[in-house]
Amino acid sequence: MKTLGLIGGMSWESSAQYYRLINEAVRQRLGGAHSAQLLLWSVNFAPIKQLQHDGDWDALGDHMADAARRLQAGGAELLVICTNTMHTLAGRIEAECPLPLLHIADPTAAAILQAGIRKVGLLGTAFTMEQAFYRDRLQERFGLQVLVPEADDRRSVHDIIYQELIAGVVSEHSRQVYAGVIARLVARGAEAIILGCTEIMLLVRPEDSAVPLFDTTTLHALAAVDAALA
């Protein structure tokens, strides 16, 4: 079993799900008392959140590269960034740390293609929905057509993540807001929805969508187990 190096804490609410999902999958595959061999570097999210909204991606890159190097020094053999948004810095991390990085978009896209779907709606933070790093990878590497919500819906999705989900707040009102956003993406032709923020799986359920949901948290965690046990 390879030692996984998880960069987490963004937020810890979803990092806890990674820890659970990875360990459950290892136990299921190997049986008995088996569990995952991993290291977790969990950041203090408050300054990270501020830097994100300040647009200081250079400073954020410093934080992420430092976390990767610390995990390498601790014996990690494979990097997993437990957040979609910070994959905007994947190239910086790969340039500064020699460990292989399992990009969250790749197992997500593979699952979508396996399901025979080509046109998807993307939910996530404003950074993930509006910046090119995520959509371009899905489109250029995997040939997917990616729709994002309209501006007001993007704002609602983003605010619920940062005002509620990162604090572990799950409300029925916010679930209905997301269901409405999903319905409008489906009306525009989305054949499936990517839950492209690792906290969204805490809120949105399959019954909240008329089309399949692809939960990046679960798909990424299971891909990490595949890589660790390969």
Protein backbone atom coordinates (compact mmCIF):
# COMPACT_ATOMS: atom_id res chain seq x y z
CA MET A 1 0.00 0.00 0.00
CA LYS A 2 1.36 3.39 -0.98
CA THR A 3 1.27 6.15 1.62
CA LEU A 4 -1.21 8.85 0.62
CA GLY A 5 -0.45 12.48 1.39
CA LEU A 6 -3.64 14.49 1.86
CA ILE A 7 -3.68 18.29 1.81
CA GLY A 8 -6.85 19.06 3.74
CA GLY A 9 -8.63 21.52 5.98
CA MET A 10 -10.30 23.36 3.08
CA SER A 11 -12.60 22.81 4.82
CA TRP A 12 -12.12 20.13 7.47
CA GLU A 13 -15.80 19.25 7.04
CA SER A 14 -15.03 17.66 3.68
CA SER A 15 -11.56 16.43 4.71
CA ALA A 16 -13.27 14.33 7.37
CA GLN A 17 -15.34 12.76 4.59
CA TYR A 18 -12.15 11.96 2.65
CA TYR A 19 -10.69 10.23 5.71
CA ARG A 20 -13.86 8.18 6.21
CA LEU A 21 -14.32 7.27 2.54
CA ILE A 22 -10.68 6.27 2.02
CA ASN A 23 -10.55 4.10 5.12
CA GLU A 24 -13.91 2.46 4.41
CA ALA A 25 -12.80 1.60 0.88
CA VAL A 26 -9.50 0.12 2.04
CA ARG A 27 -11.29 -2.00 4.64
CA GLN A 28 -13.82 -3.15 2.04
CA ARG A 29 -11.13 -4.15 -0.45
CA LEU A 30 -8.59 -5.72 1.90
CA GLY A 31 -10.87 -6.90 4.70
CA GLY A 32 -10.17 -7.50 8.36
CA ALA A 33 -8.49 -4.71 10.28
CA HIS A 34 -7.00 -3.03 7.21
CA SER A 35 -7.14 0.75 6.98
CA ALA A 36 -5.46 3.40 4.88
CA GLN A 37 -1.82 4.34 5.27
CA LEU A 38 -1.86 8.11 4.95
CA LEU A 39 -0.60 11.46 6.13
CA LEU A 40 -2.89 14.48 6.46
CA TRP A 41 -1.64 18.06 6.44
CA SER A 42 -4.67 20.07 7.49
CA VAL A 43 -4.39 23.83 7.09
CA ASN A 44 -6.06 26.58 9.10
CA PHE A 45 -8.75 27.53 6.61
CA ALA A 46 -9.42 31.10 7.82
CA PRO A 47 -6.29 32.66 6.24
CA ILE A 48 -6.68 30.47 3.15
CA LYS A 49 -10.27 31.67 2.70
CA GLN A 50 -9.15 35.29 3.03
CA LEU A 51 -6.37 34.87 0.47
CA GLN A 52 -8.82 33.24 -1.95
CA HIS A 53 -11.20 36.17 -1.77
CA ASP A 54 -8.30 38.63 -1.94
CA GLY A 55 -7.18 36.92 -5.14
CA ASP A 56 -3.67 36.31 -3.77
CA TRP A 57 -3.02 33.02 -5.57
CA ASP A 58 0.75 33.44 -5.33
CA ALA A 59 0.57 33.32 -1.54
CA LEU A 60 -1.86 30.41 -1.74
CA GLY A 61 0.59 28.61 -4.00
CA ASP A 62 3.26 29.07 -1.36
CA HIS A 63 0.97 27.47 1.23
CA MET A 64 0.12 24.52 -0.99
CA ALA A 65 3.70 23.88 -2.14
CA ASP A 66 4.83 24.00 1.50
CA ALA A 67 2.14 21.48 2.46
CA ALA A 68 3.20 19.16 -0.38
CA ARG A 69 6.86 19.30 0.67
CA ARG A 70 5.95 18.57 4.28
CA LEU A 71 3.98 15.50 3.21
CA GLN A 72 6.86 14.33 1.03
CA ALA A 73 9.26 14.74 3.94
CA GLY A 74 6.90 12.67 6.08
CA GLY A 75 6.95 9.78 3.63
CA ALA A 76 3.96 10.38 1.37
CA GLU A 77 4.17 8.76 -2.07
CA LEU A 78 1.09 10.30 -3.72
CA LEU A 79 -0.57 13.71 -3.26
CA VAL A 80 -4.32 14.30 -2.91
CA ILE A 81 -5.61 17.87 -2.60
CA CYS A 82 -8.90 17.53 -0.72
CA THR A 83 -10.62 20.47 -2.41
CA ASN A 84 -11.63 21.37 -5.96
CA THR A 85 -10.81 25.09 -5.81
CA MET A 86 -7.16 24.69 -4.88
CA HIS A 87 -6.55 22.58 -7.98
CA THR A 88 -6.08 25.92 -9.69
CA LEU A 89 -2.59 25.57 -8.17
CA ALA A 90 -2.03 21.96 -9.27
CA GLY A 91 0.61 22.99 -11.78
CA ARG A 92 2.51 24.98 -9.17
CA ILE A 93 2.47 22.04 -6.76
CA GLU A 94 3.60 19.60 -9.44
CA ALA A 95 6.46 21.95 -10.39
CA GLU A 96 7.71 22.23 -6.81
CA CYS A 97 7.12 18.71 -5.48
CA PRO A 98 8.10 15.54 -7.36
CA LEU A 99 5.31 13.39 -5.92
CA PRO A 100 2.55 12.40 -8.37
CA LEU A 101 -0.63 14.41 -7.90
CA LEU A 102 -4.06 12.79 -8.35
CA HIS A 103 -6.13 15.58 -9.94
CA ILE A 104 -9.72 15.66 -8.72
CA ALA A 105 -11.18 16.38 -12.16
CA ASP A 106 -9.73 13.23 -13.74
CA PRO A 107 -11.66 10.48 -11.91
CA THR A 108 -14.75 12.68 -12.11
CA ALA A 109 -14.47 13.00 -15.89
CA ALA A 110 -13.72 9.28 -16.26
CA ALA A 111 -16.90 8.37 -14.38
CA ILE A 112 -18.94 10.78 -16.50
CA LEU A 113 -17.60 9.34 -19.74
CA GLN A 114 -18.17 5.80 -18.51
CA ALA A 115 -21.81 6.75 -18.01
CA GLY A 116 -22.02 7.89 -21.63
CA ILE A 117 -22.57 11.54 -20.72
CA ARG A 118 -21.02 14.45 -22.60
CA LYS A 119 -22.80 17.60 -21.37
CA VAL A 120 -22.58 18.45 -17.68
CA GLY A 121 -23.44 21.24 -15.29
CA LEU A 122 -20.75 22.34 -12.84
CA LEU A 123 -21.43 23.53 -9.30
CA GLY A 124 -18.67 24.78 -7.03
CA THR A 125 -17.12 27.88 -5.57
CA ALA A 126 -17.13 30.97 -7.78
CA PHE A 127 -13.43 30.29 -8.40
CA THR A 128 -14.14 26.80 -9.74
CA MET A 129 -17.16 27.83 -11.78
CA GLU A 130 -15.68 31.02 -13.25
CA GLN A 131 -11.95 30.34 -13.67
CA ALA A 132 -10.73 28.26 -16.59
CA PHE A 133 -8.54 25.73 -14.75
CA TYR A 134 -11.34 23.23 -14.06
CA ARG A 135 -13.60 23.66 -17.08
CA ASP A 136 -10.65 23.61 -19.47
CA ARG A 137 -9.36 20.32 -18.09
CA LEU A 138 -12.78 18.72 -18.48
CA GLN A 139 -13.23 20.09 -21.98
CA GLU A 140 -9.75 19.75 -23.43
CA ARG A 141 -8.65 16.45 -21.88
CA PHE A 142 -11.97 14.63 -21.83
CA GLY A 143 -14.13 16.31 -24.46
CA LEU A 144 -16.92 17.26 -22.07
CA GLN A 145 -19.19 20.22 -22.63
CA VAL A 146 -19.44 22.15 -19.36
CA LEU A 147 -22.27 24.48 -18.33
CA VAL A 148 -22.06 26.76 -15.31
CA PRO A 149 -24.96 28.52 -13.60
CA GLU A 150 -25.94 32.08 -14.45
CA ALA A 151 -24.41 34.88 -12.37
CA ASP A 152 -27.08 35.08 -9.64
CA ASP A 153 -27.09 31.32 -9.22
CA ARG A 154 -23.29 31.22 -9.08
CA ARG A 155 -23.40 33.78 -6.29
CA SER A 156 -25.95 31.76 -4.32
CA VAL A 157 -24.00 28.51 -4.72
CA HIS A 158 -20.76 30.20 -3.65
CA ASP A 159 -22.26 31.99 -0.65
CA ILE A 160 -23.89 28.84 0.72
CA ILE A 161 -20.54 27.06 0.54
CA TYR A 162 -18.63 29.77 2.39
CA GLN A 163 -21.32 30.91 4.81
CA GLU A 164 -22.80 27.52 5.70
CA LEU A 165 -21.22 24.32 4.42
CA ILE A 166 -17.65 25.02 5.56
CA ALA A 167 -19.12 25.52 9.04
CA GLY A 168 -21.07 22.27 8.90
CA VAL A 169 -24.43 24.05 8.49
CA VAL A 170 -26.86 22.08 6.31
CA SER A 171 -30.26 23.69 5.82
CA GLU A 172 -33.34 22.64 3.92
CA HIS A 173 -33.65 26.15 2.47
CA SER A 174 -30.17 25.94 0.96
CA ARG A 175 -30.90 22.46 -0.36
CA GLN A 176 -33.89 23.89 -2.21
CA VAL A 177 -31.75 26.74 -3.56
CA TYR A 178 -29.31 24.21 -4.99
CA ALA A 179 -32.17 22.11 -6.38
CA GLY A 180 -33.39 25.17 -8.24
CA VAL A 181 -29.93 25.88 -9.65
CA ILE A 182 -29.65 22.26 -10.77
CA ALA A 183 -33.09 22.37 -12.42
CA ARG A 184 -32.08 25.45 -14.41
CA LEU A 185 -28.89 23.76 -15.59
CA VAL A 186 -30.91 20.72 -16.65
CA ALA A 187 -33.30 22.99 -18.55
CA ARG A 188 -30.26 24.30 -20.45
CA GLY A 189 -29.30 20.79 -21.47
CA ALA A 190 -27.13 19.41 -18.67
CA GLU A 191 -27.27 15.61 -18.69
CA ALA A 192 -25.58 15.36 -15.28
CA ILE A 193 -24.31 17.62 -12.51
CA ILE A 194 -20.79 17.74 -11.09
CA LEU A 195 -20.74 18.51 -7.37
CA GLY A 196 -17.50 20.41 -7.89
CA CYS A 197 -16.93 21.53 -4.34
CA THR A 198 -16.06 18.90 -1.77
CA GLU A 199 -18.63 20.22 0.73
CA ILE A 200 -21.63 20.07 -1.61
CA MET A 201 -22.03 16.34 -1.01
CA LEU A 202 -23.03 17.26 2.56
CA LEU A 203 -26.07 19.13 1.22
CA VAL A 204 -27.26 17.81 -2.13
CA ARG A 205 -28.87 14.36 -2.40
CA PRO A 206 -29.66 12.28 -5.50
CA GLU A 207 -33.34 13.04 -5.09
CA ASP A 208 -32.58 16.77 -5.43
CA SER A 209 -31.71 16.32 -9.10
CA ALA A 210 -33.52 14.97 -12.14
CA VAL A 211 -30.17 13.90 -13.65
CA PRO A 212 -27.22 11.94 -12.21
CA LEU A 213 -24.93 13.63 -9.71
CA PHE A 214 -21.17 13.12 -9.78
CA ASP A 215 -19.74 13.75 -6.32
CA THR A 216 -16.10 14.76 -6.67
CA THR A 217 -15.33 14.02 -3.02
CA THR A 218 -16.30 10.36 -3.27
CA LEU A 219 -14.84 9.85 -6.74
CA HIS A 220 -11.52 11.44 -5.73
CA ALA A 221 -11.29 9.46 -2.50
CA LEU A 222 -11.97 6.16 -4.27
CA ALA A 223 -9.44 6.99 -6.97
CA ALA A 224 -6.89 7.65 -4.25
CA VAL A 225 -7.53 4.17 -2.86
CA ASP A 226 -7.14 2.69 -6.37
CA ALA A 227 -3.78 4.43 -6.70
CA ALA A 228 -2.62 3.45 -3.23
CA LEU A 229 -3.43 -0.21 -3.78
CA ALA A 230 -2.29 -0.45 -7.42
